Amino acid sequence: MVDPRSDRGAATIWTALAVAALTGVTTLGIWLGAATIARHRAEAAADLAALAAASHAAEGPVQACERARWVTDRMGVKLLTCRWQRLDALIEVESPTGGLAGLPGPAARARAGPTARPP
């Protein structure tokens, strides 16, 4: 006959394991959510910076890239490159935060130019 007192504390161990597993899954979900939000912000900043640069293209590439830098500074991302290919502004940005545990922050690229090309 088995002594009923022999498995005292087994429920506590199973509960502790379940809480640890749920905590791990929740933490992973929060990290992935933060990384996704950082990537979306970097993409939005790249898009807006490219549009800003393209809208100021008539002022020259230096002024247009300064406008792109102004946008990226306000959105909290780092402007890596601002270059021109014919009339299109090519922008690359990187988010300083949002990377997971020592990984670099997300980067994004965008391209914007005039809607009507001259013949």
Protein backbone atom coordinates (compact mmCIF):
# COMPACT_ATOMS: atom_id res chain seq x y z
CA MET A 1 0.00 0.00 0.00
CA VAL A 2 1.23 3.47 -0.96
CA ASP A 3 1.48 6.08 1.71
CA PRO A 4 -0.81 9.02 0.66
CA ARG A 5 1.62 11.46 2.23
CA SER A 6 4.43 10.45 -0.14
CA ASP A 7 3.50 12.90 -2.91
CA ARG A 8 3.09 15.96 -0.77
CA GLY A 9 4.31 19.06 -2.63
CA ALA A 10 3.95 17.54 -6.11
CA ALA A 11 1.21 20.04 -7.01
CA THR A 12 3.46 22.89 -5.89
CA ILE A 13 6.23 21.74 -8.21
CA TRP A 14 3.84 21.34 -11.16
CA THR A 15 2.36 24.78 -10.48
CA ALA A 16 5.81 26.36 -10.27
CA LEU A 17 6.79 24.75 -13.58
CA ALA A 18 3.58 25.97 -15.22
CA VAL A 19 4.11 29.52 -13.93
CA ALA A 20 7.72 29.49 -15.16
CA ALA A 21 6.62 28.28 -18.61
CA LEU A 22 3.88 30.92 -18.85
CA THR A 23 6.29 33.63 -17.71
CA GLY A 24 8.79 32.57 -20.38
CA VAL A 25 6.18 32.56 -23.13
CA THR A 26 4.85 35.94 -22.02
CA THR A 27 8.34 37.45 -21.95
CA LEU A 28 9.07 36.12 -25.44
CA GLY A 29 5.79 37.56 -26.68
CA ILE A 30 6.60 40.98 -25.22
CA TRP A 31 10.07 40.96 -26.81
CA LEU A 32 8.68 39.98 -30.19
CA GLY A 33 5.98 42.64 -29.91
CA ALA A 34 8.55 45.31 -29.07
CA ALA A 35 10.73 44.25 -32.01
CA THR A 36 7.74 44.37 -34.35
CA ILE A 37 6.76 47.84 -33.16
CA ALA A 38 10.35 49.08 -33.58
CA ARG A 39 10.46 47.68 -37.13
CA HIS A 40 7.16 49.38 -38.01
CA ARG A 41 8.41 52.68 -36.61
CA ALA A 42 11.65 52.41 -38.59
CA GLU A 43 9.69 51.69 -41.78
CA ALA A 44 7.35 54.62 -41.17
CA ALA A 45 10.29 56.94 -40.50
CA ALA A 46 12.04 55.82 -43.70
CA ASP A 47 8.87 56.36 -45.72
CA LEU A 48 8.25 59.83 -44.31
CA ALA A 49 11.90 60.86 -44.68
CA ALA A 50 11.91 59.75 -48.33
CA LEU A 51 8.72 61.70 -48.99
CA ALA A 52 10.15 64.76 -47.26
CA ALA A 53 13.35 64.57 -49.29
CA ALA A 54 11.46 64.05 -52.55
CA SER A 55 9.14 66.97 -51.84
CA HIS A 56 12.17 69.25 -51.34
CA ALA A 57 14.16 67.92 -54.31
CA ALA A 58 13.84 71.24 -56.14
CA GLU A 59 15.93 72.89 -53.41
CA GLY A 60 18.83 70.55 -54.16
CA PRO A 61 19.99 67.25 -52.76
CA VAL A 62 21.75 68.73 -49.72
CA GLN A 63 18.67 70.64 -48.57
CA ALA A 64 16.41 67.69 -49.33
CA CYS A 65 18.59 65.33 -47.29
CA GLU A 66 18.61 67.83 -44.43
CA ARG A 67 14.81 67.73 -44.49
CA ALA A 68 14.97 63.93 -44.36
CA ARG A 69 17.37 64.14 -41.41
CA TRP A 70 14.97 66.54 -39.66
CA VAL A 71 12.15 63.99 -40.05
CA THR A 72 14.24 61.06 -38.82
CA ASP A 73 15.49 63.03 -35.82
CA ARG A 74 11.92 63.84 -34.82
CA MET A 75 10.90 60.20 -35.18
CA GLY A 76 13.78 58.94 -33.04
CA VAL A 77 15.68 56.97 -35.69
CA LYS A 78 19.14 57.39 -37.19
CA LEU A 79 19.49 58.40 -40.84
CA LEU A 80 22.13 56.08 -42.30
CA THR A 81 22.08 57.17 -45.95
CA CYS A 82 20.35 59.73 -48.08
CA ARG A 83 21.24 59.47 -51.73
CA TRP A 84 19.71 60.23 -55.08
CA GLN A 85 19.14 58.10 -58.14
CA ARG A 86 18.01 60.44 -60.88
CA LEU A 87 14.99 62.13 -59.27
CA ASP A 88 14.34 59.50 -56.59
CA ALA A 89 15.38 59.92 -52.97
CA LEU A 90 16.77 56.69 -51.46
CA ILE A 91 16.69 56.69 -47.66
CA GLU A 92 18.00 54.14 -45.17
CA VAL A 93 17.38 54.44 -41.43
CA GLU A 94 18.09 52.42 -38.31
CA SER A 95 16.23 52.40 -35.03
CA PRO A 96 18.57 52.75 -32.04
CA THR A 97 16.25 50.68 -29.86
CA GLY A 98 14.04 47.68 -30.26
CA GLY A 99 16.65 45.05 -30.93
CA LEU A 100 16.41 41.85 -28.93
CA ALA A 101 19.09 41.18 -26.32
CA GLY A 102 22.15 42.72 -27.92
CA LEU A 103 21.01 42.50 -31.53
CA PRO A 104 21.09 45.69 -33.59
CA GLY A 105 17.94 47.71 -33.97
CA PRO A 106 15.80 47.26 -37.07
CA ALA A 107 16.72 49.06 -40.27
CA ALA A 108 14.45 50.15 -43.10
CA ARG A 109 14.77 51.57 -46.60
CA ALA A 110 12.43 53.73 -48.64
CA ARG A 111 12.36 55.33 -52.04
CA ALA A 112 10.29 58.31 -53.16
CA GLY A 113 10.27 60.50 -56.20
CA PRO A 114 7.99 62.46 -58.47
CA THR A 115 4.83 60.76 -59.64
CA ALA A 116 5.10 62.02 -63.20
CA ARG A 117 8.37 61.44 -65.00
CA PRO A 118 9.43 63.93 -67.63
CA PRO A 119 9.58 62.42 -71.14
